[in-house]
Amino acid sequence: MRSQNGPSGRHEGGFSLVEVVFGAVIMALMVGAIGTLFLDNLRVVTLGKARAIGLGLASEKMEALRDLPYDSLSTQNGAIYPPGNIPDTETVVRDNYTFTVKTEIVYVDDPYDGVENGPVSTGPAAGKPQDLYPYDYKKTQITVKLKSSGAVVSTLTTDVAGKAAETSSNTGILSIKVINASGAAIPNANVSIVNTNPNPDVNINTTTDNNGFVIIPKLPPDSSNRYQVIASLGGYSTDGTIPDPAGSQTAVELNPNVLAQQITSLTLAIDLLSTLYVNVVDTSGAAKTSFNVTTTGAKVIKQNTTVYKYTGTTATDGSGNITLSGMEWDSYSFAVPAGWYIVSASPYAPTALNPNTSKTVNLVVTNDSTWPTIKSISPVSGQTGSTAVSIAVTGTNIPSSTSLKLKLAGQSDINATGCTGGGTVLTCSLNLTGAVTGAWDVELTKSGNTATQVGGFNVVP
């Protein structure tokens, strides 16, 4: 029989290109979904097996600790002195899994019989006196992590009590509190306590509790300021004590002493780091490139002679900029090379840098020793409508012949009157009648040379 599709109407079975592509896409999606599901299931199975092994490993470690005498329950660099033989961190391989096992042993100051920090208003210790023996028992925690990912697969914690924990001895207690710039407690801050004089050495690395405290009892007495304490935390500044310097120089935060049957209290302050940007131009507005600027904080670590916690000299880049990252909260001042002078710093210098912020300081410099300069202005604000606001500008090269005015874009200048001065302080009167509120620039002009303090005076309602 002749086919209905003859030479004039040929039609053969098969798939078009669109159908083939569409089918391939569907197949790829199905394969991808199945592959993803398979990998997810594999990860779940792998992690589940790791957790089972990790739990067994943690239980094994905990049982080994329970078999030790109470006085031997201390790690090599943990929060208990004298140190023991228990490693703080171990790497263990089990069934082709590599684990990191961390052992933490700390003393616990139970509030039932009072706490070392003093009487509290609520809880079991309400109305009870200060507990002079803040080591009621020990808390032991085993944390097991997968080394490859850092995932925690097991954590076991137990309390262990001695037969007579609170007994007086010829040892002392070091109580450390770590706070931020606002005075709030910082939990989980790293605290290092080192003293190489006792035998064995004191080399303790621990973390603060939820109230920002670290309390280390049973420390060997030392009255020669040899206990060095340092507080730190990732992304934060560092604070600590230093030994007594030689000669007449003194330490601001001196290493504490630990005395027998006494509590030595110490407070350290750290906070999030910040970034300080410095932009330098000359009096024509041109960027100063490869120009050294010395930045110095106000915090002091040694006195007589003074040693600042931060001081550093940095050169500007091709745009006249300097970036100082990882800066501690502080008040910073600036200095330029000999033969150069800072005409103005906006905002005023020293400038305060708060924690966890960034701030830009604009410096105008000159090598003309006769140019007027501005260091500070008092007051920095005045009420609109006031007819006679006295303003005093401190700087250099500003005799009474220097003119002073306030400038704001779109507004008429406010010219000061009745100026008097002797070269370092210029005092004038401002009429703020009709002045709009906002930050006005302050301009000083002497012999055709002008110093400008950008936003240096605020007109307020």
Protein backbone atom coordinates (compact mmCIF):
# COMPACT_ATOMS: atom_id res chain seq x y z
CA MET A 1 0.00 0.00 0.00
CA ARG A 2 1.27 3.43 -0.87
CA SER A 3 2.00 5.76 1.97
CA GLN A 4 -0.20 8.78 2.38
CA ASN A 5 2.91 10.92 2.53
CA GLY A 6 4.26 10.57 -0.93
CA PRO A 7 6.95 12.57 -2.61
CA SER A 8 4.69 15.63 -2.64
CA GLY A 9 3.85 15.56 1.10
CA ARG A 10 6.78 13.85 2.84
CA HIS A 11 6.61 13.66 6.69
CA GLU A 12 9.02 11.49 8.72
CA GLY A 13 8.91 10.81 12.48
CA GLY A 14 11.48 12.58 14.85
CA PHE A 15 12.11 15.63 17.07
CA SER A 16 12.62 19.21 16.10
CA LEU A 17 15.67 21.19 17.38
CA VAL A 18 13.49 23.11 19.84
CA GLU A 19 12.15 19.87 21.28
CA VAL A 20 15.65 18.48 21.66
CA VAL A 21 16.94 21.61 23.44
CA PHE A 22 13.88 21.76 25.69
CA GLY A 23 14.28 18.12 26.63
CA ALA A 24 17.98 18.62 27.37
CA VAL A 25 17.20 21.55 29.66
CA ILE A 26 14.58 19.54 31.54
CA MET A 27 16.99 16.64 31.88
CA ALA A 28 19.77 18.96 33.14
CA LEU A 29 17.46 20.46 35.74
CA MET A 30 16.41 17.03 36.92
CA VAL A 31 20.01 15.84 37.13
CA GLY A 32 21.04 19.03 38.96
CA ALA A 33 18.20 18.70 41.46
CA ILE A 34 18.99 15.05 42.07
CA GLY A 35 22.69 15.88 42.43
CA THR A 36 21.98 18.69 44.91
CA LEU A 37 19.69 16.45 46.93
CA PHE A 38 22.33 13.73 46.92
CA LEU A 39 25.04 16.15 48.11
CA ASP A 40 22.75 17.54 50.82
CA ASN A 41 21.95 14.07 52.03
CA LEU A 42 25.63 13.19 51.96
CA ARG A 43 26.47 16.26 54.04
CA VAL A 44 23.73 15.41 56.55
CA VAL A 45 24.94 11.83 56.82
CA THR A 46 28.57 12.99 57.15
CA LEU A 47 27.75 15.57 59.82
CA GLY A 48 25.54 13.09 61.66
CA LYS A 49 28.32 10.54 61.74
CA ALA A 50 30.79 13.22 62.85
CA ARG A 51 28.44 14.23 65.67
CA ALA A 52 28.15 10.66 66.85
CA ILE A 53 31.93 10.24 66.84
CA GLY A 54 32.40 13.69 68.44
CA LEU A 55 29.95 12.89 71.23
CA GLY A 56 31.82 9.69 71.99
CA LEU A 57 35.11 11.58 71.95
CA ALA A 58 33.78 14.26 74.30
CA SER A 59 32.38 11.63 76.66
CA GLU A 60 35.71 9.83 76.64
CA LYS A 61 37.58 13.03 77.50
CA MET A 62 35.09 13.92 80.25
CA GLU A 63 35.39 10.49 81.84
CA ALA A 64 39.18 10.85 81.86
CA LEU A 65 38.83 14.21 83.65
CA ARG A 66 36.46 12.75 86.24
CA ASP A 67 39.13 10.21 87.18
CA LEU A 68 41.62 12.99 88.07
CA PRO A 69 42.06 14.44 91.57
CA TYR A 70 40.26 17.77 92.08
CA ASP A 71 43.51 19.74 92.39
CA SER A 72 44.75 18.29 89.10
CA LEU A 73 41.79 19.67 87.14
CA SER A 74 43.51 22.54 85.34
CA THR A 75 44.76 22.98 81.80
CA GLN A 76 48.23 24.00 80.69
CA ASN A 77 47.30 27.64 79.90
CA GLY A 78 43.80 28.01 81.31
CA ALA A 79 42.26 30.12 84.06
CA ILE A 80 43.43 28.02 87.03
CA TYR A 81 46.80 28.20 88.77
CA PRO A 82 48.90 26.15 89.20
CA PRO A 83 48.62 24.86 85.63
CA GLY A 84 48.00 21.18 85.04
CA ASN A 85 48.96 18.72 82.34
CA ILE A 86 45.66 18.83 80.46
CA PRO A 87 46.09 20.33 76.96
CA ASP A 88 43.86 23.31 76.23
CA THR A 89 43.44 22.22 72.61
CA GLU A 90 44.10 18.87 70.94
CA THR A 91 43.80 17.52 67.40
CA VAL A 92 42.31 14.01 67.31
CA VAL A 93 41.70 11.78 64.27
CA ARG A 94 38.89 9.22 64.49
CA ASP A 95 37.45 7.19 61.61
CA ASN A 96 39.04 9.50 59.01
CA TYR A 97 37.54 12.57 60.71
CA THR A 98 39.88 15.19 62.16
CA PHE A 99 38.55 16.92 65.28
CA THR A 100 39.71 19.85 67.41
CA VAL A 101 39.04 19.15 71.09
CA LYS A 102 39.04 22.17 73.40
CA THR A 103 39.07 21.72 77.18
CA GLU A 104 38.07 24.63 79.42
CA ILE A 105 38.23 24.45 83.21
CA VAL A 106 37.35 27.50 85.31
CA TYR A 107 36.42 28.25 88.90
CA VAL A 108 32.79 29.12 89.59
CA ASP A 109 31.75 31.73 92.16
CA ASP A 110 28.31 30.45 93.15
CA PRO A 111 25.94 33.28 94.19
CA TYR A 112 24.39 31.09 96.89
CA ASP A 113 27.01 32.16 99.45
CA GLY A 114 27.68 35.64 98.06
CA VAL A 115 29.91 36.74 95.21
CA GLU A 116 33.34 38.34 95.05
CA ASN A 117 31.96 41.39 93.21
CA GLY A 118 30.08 42.42 96.33
CA PRO A 119 26.51 42.22 97.61
CA VAL A 120 23.80 41.96 94.99
CA SER A 121 20.18 43.10 95.15
CA THR A 122 18.52 40.03 93.67
CA GLY A 123 19.05 36.29 93.48
CA PRO A 124 20.37 33.78 96.03
CA ALA A 125 23.14 36.17 97.17
CA ALA A 126 20.78 39.05 98.01
CA GLY A 127 21.88 40.68 101.25
CA LYS A 128 24.87 38.39 101.67
CA PRO A 129 28.36 39.77 102.26
CA GLN A 130 31.21 39.76 99.80
CA ASP A 131 32.53 36.24 99.23
CA LEU A 132 36.28 36.35 99.73
CA TYR A 133 36.75 32.85 98.31
CA PRO A 134 35.32 32.98 94.77
CA TYR A 135 36.16 29.39 93.88
CA ASP A 136 33.23 27.33 95.12
CA TYR A 137 33.73 24.63 92.49
CA LYS A 138 35.09 24.02 89.00
CA LYS A 139 33.21 23.93 85.71
CA THR A 140 34.64 21.68 83.00
CA GLN A 141 33.58 21.97 79.37
CA ILE A 142 34.66 19.81 76.42
CA THR A 143 33.97 21.26 72.96
CA VAL A 144 34.59 19.11 69.87
CA LYS A 145 34.73 20.72 66.42
CA LEU A 146 35.33 19.44 62.93
CA LYS A 147 38.72 20.86 62.05
CA SER A 148 37.86 21.23 58.35
CA SER A 149 34.79 23.44 58.86
CA GLY A 150 34.94 24.54 62.48
CA ALA A 151 31.43 23.17 63.04
CA VAL A 152 30.71 22.24 66.66
CA VAL A 153 29.69 18.57 66.77
CA SER A 154 29.59 18.05 70.53
CA THR A 155 29.70 19.98 73.80
CA LEU A 156 29.70 18.47 77.29
CA THR A 157 29.75 20.46 80.55
CA THR A 158 29.92 19.33 84.16
CA ASP A 159 30.57 20.86 87.59
CA VAL A 160 33.14 19.34 89.91
CA ALA A 161 33.37 20.18 93.61
CA GLY A 162 36.28 19.59 95.93
CA LYS A 163 35.97 18.27 99.46
CA ALA A 164 37.02 21.64 100.95
CA ALA A 165 37.30 24.23 98.23
CA GLU A 166 36.91 27.36 100.36
CA THR A 167 39.90 27.18 102.65
CA SER A 168 42.25 30.05 103.38
CA SER A 169 45.81 29.77 102.14
CA ASN A 170 48.91 31.79 101.49
CA THR A 171 47.66 32.85 98.04
CA GLY A 172 45.86 35.84 96.55
CA ILE A 173 43.05 36.57 94.13
CA LEU A 174 43.16 38.66 90.96
CA SER A 175 39.81 40.11 89.84
CA ILE A 176 39.75 41.65 86.36
CA LYS A 177 36.85 43.44 84.70
CA VAL A 178 36.85 44.34 81.00
CA ILE A 179 34.61 47.20 79.86
CA ASN A 180 34.05 49.22 76.68
CA ALA A 181 34.35 52.98 76.13
CA SER A 182 30.90 53.50 77.67
CA GLY A 183 31.70 51.45 80.77
CA ALA A 184 29.58 48.46 79.74
CA ALA A 185 30.92 44.98 80.46
CA ILE A 186 32.43 42.99 77.58
CA PRO A 187 31.77 39.24 77.78
CA ASN A 188 34.06 36.70 76.09
CA ALA A 189 37.00 39.10 75.96
CA ASN A 190 40.42 37.43 75.91
CA VAL A 191 42.46 37.95 79.07
CA SER A 192 46.12 36.98 79.38
CA ILE A 193 47.86 36.85 82.79
CA VAL A 194 51.60 36.24 82.84
CA ASN A 195 54.17 36.19 85.64
CA THR A 196 57.44 34.34 85.06
CA ASN A 197 58.63 34.77 88.65
CA PRO A 198 56.71 31.95 90.43
CA ASN A 199 57.49 28.29 89.92
CA PRO A 200 55.72 27.13 87.85
CA ASP A 201 55.19 30.25 85.73
CA VAL A 202 51.80 31.88 85.68
CA ASN A 203 50.67 31.77 82.04
CA ILE A 204 46.89 31.98 81.95
CA ASN A 205 44.74 32.62 78.87
CA THR A 206 41.03 32.79 79.51
CA THR A 207 37.89 34.81 78.67
CA THR A 208 35.55 37.04 80.64
CA ASP A 209 32.15 35.85 81.82
CA ASN A 210 28.80 37.41 80.91
CA ASN A 211 29.48 40.24 83.38
CA GLY A 212 32.90 41.00 81.90
CA PHE A 213 34.79 39.46 84.85
CA VAL A 214 37.74 37.11 85.16
CA ILE A 215 38.53 35.98 88.70
CA ILE A 216 41.70 33.96 89.26
CA PRO A 217 42.17 32.63 92.81
CA LYS A 218 45.08 30.83 94.44
CA LEU A 219 47.78 32.91 92.78
CA PRO A 220 51.26 33.11 94.34
CA PRO A 221 51.79 36.46 96.11
CA ASP A 222 54.01 38.96 94.31
CA SER A 223 54.57 42.55 95.47
CA SER A 224 57.05 43.51 92.73
CA ASN A 225 54.49 44.37 90.03
CA ARG A 226 55.25 41.34 87.88
CA TYR A 227 51.72 40.18 87.02
CA GLN A 228 51.14 41.45 83.48
CA VAL A 229 47.49 41.48 82.39
CA ILE A 230 46.30 42.12 78.81
CA ALA A 231 42.72 42.26 77.52
CA SER A 232 41.90 41.86 73.81
CA LEU A 233 39.20 40.78 71.40
CA GLY A 234 39.07 40.40 67.62
CA GLY A 235 38.29 43.76 65.99
CA TYR A 236 38.81 45.58 69.30
CA SER A 237 41.60 47.67 70.77
CA THR A 238 43.92 46.22 73.39
CA ASP A 239 44.45 47.36 76.96
CA GLY A 240 46.88 46.07 79.52
CA THR A 241 49.38 46.70 82.25
CA ILE A 242 53.15 47.15 81.97
CA PRO A 243 56.10 46.67 84.35
CA ASP A 244 57.44 49.58 86.38
CA PRO A 245 59.83 51.44 84.02
CA ALA A 246 63.41 52.07 85.03
CA GLY A 247 64.48 55.45 86.41
CA SER A 248 62.02 58.25 87.11
CA GLN A 249 59.52 57.17 84.47
CA THR A 250 56.21 55.79 85.76
CA ALA A 251 53.57 53.53 84.22
CA VAL A 252 50.00 54.73 83.90
CA GLU A 253 48.69 51.16 84.13
CA LEU A 254 51.22 49.40 86.32
CA ASN A 255 51.30 45.61 86.63
CA PRO A 256 49.21 44.73 89.70
CA ASN A 257 50.51 43.09 92.83
CA VAL A 258 48.88 40.00 94.30
CA LEU A 259 48.95 39.80 98.09
CA ALA A 260 48.23 36.84 100.36
CA GLN A 261 44.55 36.43 101.32
CA GLN A 262 43.62 39.65 99.49
CA ILE A 263 41.70 40.49 96.33
CA THR A 264 43.42 42.73 93.77
CA SER A 265 40.91 44.38 91.41
CA LEU A 266 41.78 45.70 87.96
CA THR A 267 39.64 47.27 85.21
CA LEU A 268 40.71 47.31 81.55
CA ALA A 269 38.90 49.13 78.72
CA ILE A 270 38.73 47.99 75.08
CA ASP A 271 36.33 48.78 72.25
CA LEU A 272 35.78 48.38 68.51
CA LEU A 273 38.43 49.83 66.22
CA SER A 274 37.83 52.79 63.90
CA THR A 275 39.29 54.47 60.81
CA LEU A 276 40.73 57.97 60.62
CA TYR A 277 41.09 59.73 57.24
CA VAL A 278 43.36 62.76 56.90
CA ASN A 279 43.27 65.07 53.87
CA VAL A 280 46.04 67.66 53.42
CA VAL A 281 45.96 70.70 51.11
CA ASP A 282 47.91 73.96 50.96
CA THR A 283 46.37 77.43 51.22
CA SER A 284 45.61 77.43 47.48
CA GLY A 285 43.60 74.21 47.84
CA ALA A 286 46.18 72.03 46.07
CA ALA A 287 46.69 68.52 47.50
CA LYS A 288 49.95 67.97 49.38
CA THR A 289 51.43 64.70 48.13
CA SER A 290 54.18 62.69 49.84
CA PHE A 291 53.73 64.97 52.82
CA ASN A 292 54.46 63.57 56.28
CA VAL A 293 51.85 64.01 59.01
CA THR A 294 52.44 62.81 62.57
CA THR A 295 49.29 61.65 64.36
CA THR A 296 49.33 61.32 68.16
CA GLY A 297 46.63 60.10 70.51
CA ALA A 298 45.94 61.54 73.94
CA LYS A 299 46.19 58.26 75.86
CA VAL A 300 49.44 57.90 77.78
CA ILE A 301 51.13 54.66 78.85
CA LYS A 302 54.19 56.19 80.57
CA GLN A 303 54.84 59.51 82.28
CA ASN A 304 57.96 61.50 83.09
CA THR A 305 58.88 61.43 80.24
CA THR A 306 55.60 60.96 78.38
CA VAL A 307 55.06 57.98 76.10
CA TYR A 308 51.79 57.98 74.16
CA LYS A 309 49.85 54.82 73.43
CA TYR A 310 49.70 55.79 69.75
CA THR A 311 51.94 58.02 67.69
CA GLY A 312 52.87 57.52 64.06
CA THR A 313 54.11 59.41 61.00
CA THR A 314 52.50 58.68 57.63
CA ALA A 315 53.01 60.23 54.17
CA THR A 316 50.05 61.36 52.08
CA ASP A 317 49.27 59.60 48.82
CA GLY A 318 48.98 61.12 45.33
CA SER A 319 45.70 62.80 46.31
CA GLY A 320 46.94 64.23 49.58
CA ASN A 321 45.15 61.57 51.65
CA ILE A 322 46.12 59.35 54.56
CA THR A 323 44.10 56.35 55.78
CA LEU A 324 44.73 55.19 59.34
CA SER A 325 42.79 51.98 59.97
CA GLY A 326 42.56 49.93 63.15
CA MET A 327 42.61 53.04 65.34
CA GLU A 328 41.60 53.00 68.99
CA TRP A 329 38.97 55.41 70.25
CA ASP A 330 40.93 58.45 71.41
CA SER A 331 41.50 62.16 70.81
CA TYR A 332 44.07 62.72 68.06
CA SER A 333 46.29 65.72 67.29
CA PHE A 334 48.46 66.34 64.22
CA ALA A 335 51.92 67.75 63.50
CA VAL A 336 53.70 68.60 60.24
CA PRO A 337 57.42 68.78 59.33
CA ALA A 338 59.62 71.67 60.44
CA GLY A 339 59.12 74.74 58.29
CA TRP A 340 55.44 73.93 57.75
CA TYR A 341 52.46 75.14 59.75
CA ILE A 342 48.86 73.96 60.15
CA VAL A 343 46.61 76.84 59.18
CA SER A 344 43.42 75.04 60.25
CA ALA A 345 42.07 71.58 61.01
CA SER A 346 38.43 70.79 60.30
CA PRO A 347 37.00 69.53 62.56
CA TYR A 348 39.09 71.15 65.26
CA ALA A 349 42.16 69.30 66.44
CA PRO A 350 42.58 67.48 68.71
CA THR A 351 39.67 65.56 67.21
CA ALA A 352 37.75 62.83 69.02
CA LEU A 353 37.44 59.45 67.29
CA ASN A 354 34.64 57.28 68.67
CA PRO A 355 34.60 53.46 68.62
CA ASN A 356 33.43 51.65 65.48
CA THR A 357 33.30 54.81 63.34
CA SER A 358 35.20 56.56 60.56
CA LYS A 359 36.12 60.24 60.55
CA THR A 360 37.77 62.63 58.11
CA VAL A 361 40.02 65.49 59.20
CA ASN A 362 40.96 68.17 56.65
CA LEU A 363 44.27 69.95 57.23
CA VAL A 364 45.32 73.19 55.51
CA VAL A 365 49.09 73.80 55.68
CA THR A 366 51.52 76.51 54.65
CA ASN A 367 55.26 77.16 54.70
CA ASP A 368 54.65 80.90 55.22
CA SER A 369 55.45 81.59 58.87
CA THR A 370 53.44 84.86 58.77
CA TRP A 371 50.17 83.26 57.67
CA PRO A 372 47.33 83.52 60.23
CA THR A 373 46.36 80.18 61.82
CA ILE A 374 43.34 78.93 63.76
CA LYS A 375 43.67 76.43 66.60
CA SER A 376 40.41 76.88 68.48
CA ILE A 377 37.36 79.14 68.77
CA SER A 378 35.32 79.91 71.88
CA PRO A 379 32.40 79.74 71.96
CA VAL A 380 31.66 77.61 68.90
CA SER A 381 27.99 78.60 68.75
CA GLY A 382 25.65 81.58 69.22
CA GLN A 383 21.91 82.17 69.09
CA THR A 384 20.42 83.79 66.03
CA GLY A 385 19.10 87.27 66.80
CA SER A 386 21.83 87.99 69.35
CA THR A 387 23.26 91.46 68.76
CA ALA A 388 26.61 91.07 70.50
CA VAL A 389 28.18 87.61 70.70
CA SER A 390 31.79 87.72 71.88
CA ILE A 391 34.02 85.26 70.06
CA ALA A 392 37.68 84.49 70.84
CA VAL A 393 39.94 82.85 68.24
CA THR A 394 43.18 81.23 69.38
CA GLY A 395 45.97 80.80 66.85
CA THR A 396 49.06 82.57 65.59
CA ASN A 397 49.70 85.75 63.59
CA ILE A 398 46.29 87.25 64.45
CA PRO A 399 46.83 90.79 65.75
CA SER A 400 43.96 93.22 66.29
CA SER A 401 44.23 94.36 62.67
CA THR A 402 43.07 90.90 61.53
CA SER A 403 39.54 90.86 60.12
CA LEU A 404 37.05 88.15 61.07
CA LYS A 405 33.86 87.17 59.27
CA LEU A 406 31.31 84.36 59.13
CA LYS A 407 30.43 82.94 55.72
CA LEU A 408 27.64 80.62 54.58
CA ALA A 409 26.69 79.81 51.00
CA GLY A 410 23.70 81.85 49.87
CA GLN A 411 23.89 84.22 52.83
CA SER A 412 25.43 87.63 53.36
CA ASP A 413 28.72 87.65 55.26
CA ILE A 414 28.62 88.52 58.95
CA ASN A 415 31.55 90.84 59.64
CA ALA A 416 32.88 90.99 63.20
CA THR A 417 33.49 94.33 64.90
CA GLY A 418 35.56 95.64 67.77
CA CYS A 419 38.40 93.15 67.32
CA THR A 420 41.27 93.22 69.82
CA GLY A 421 44.26 90.91 70.06
CA GLY A 422 47.95 90.49 70.63
CA GLY A 423 48.87 87.91 68.00
CA THR A 424 47.75 84.65 69.57
CA VAL A 425 44.16 85.48 70.63
CA LEU A 426 41.73 87.60 68.64
CA THR A 427 38.52 88.67 70.38
CA CYS A 428 35.64 90.16 68.35
CA SER A 429 31.90 90.81 68.53
CA LEU A 430 29.30 89.26 66.20
CA ASN A 431 25.83 90.58 65.41
CA LEU A 432 23.65 87.56 64.59
CA THR A 433 20.47 89.50 63.87
CA GLY A 434 18.66 87.71 61.05
CA ALA A 435 21.38 85.04 60.75
CA VAL A 436 20.07 81.67 59.53
CA THR A 437 20.86 78.64 61.64
CA GLY A 438 23.61 76.29 60.53
CA ALA A 439 27.36 75.77 60.48
CA TRP A 440 29.16 78.93 59.24
CA ASP A 441 32.77 79.11 58.10
CA VAL A 442 35.08 81.37 60.09
CA GLU A 443 37.51 83.46 58.03
CA LEU A 444 40.53 85.32 59.38
CA THR A 445 42.35 87.67 56.99
CA LYS A 446 45.64 89.40 57.69
CA SER A 447 47.70 91.20 55.05
CA GLY A 448 45.73 89.49 52.27
CA ASN A 449 46.31 85.99 53.69
CA THR A 450 43.18 84.11 54.79
CA ALA A 451 42.72 81.20 57.20
CA THR A 452 39.36 79.41 57.07
CA GLN A 453 37.83 77.16 59.70
CA VAL A 454 35.19 75.25 57.75
CA GLY A 455 31.95 74.99 59.75
CA GLY A 456 33.75 76.52 62.70
CA PHE A 457 30.79 78.41 64.21
CA ASN A 458 27.21 77.23 64.61
CA VAL A 459 24.27 79.64 64.63
CA VAL A 460 21.56 77.93 66.67
CA PRO A 461 17.87 78.70 67.20
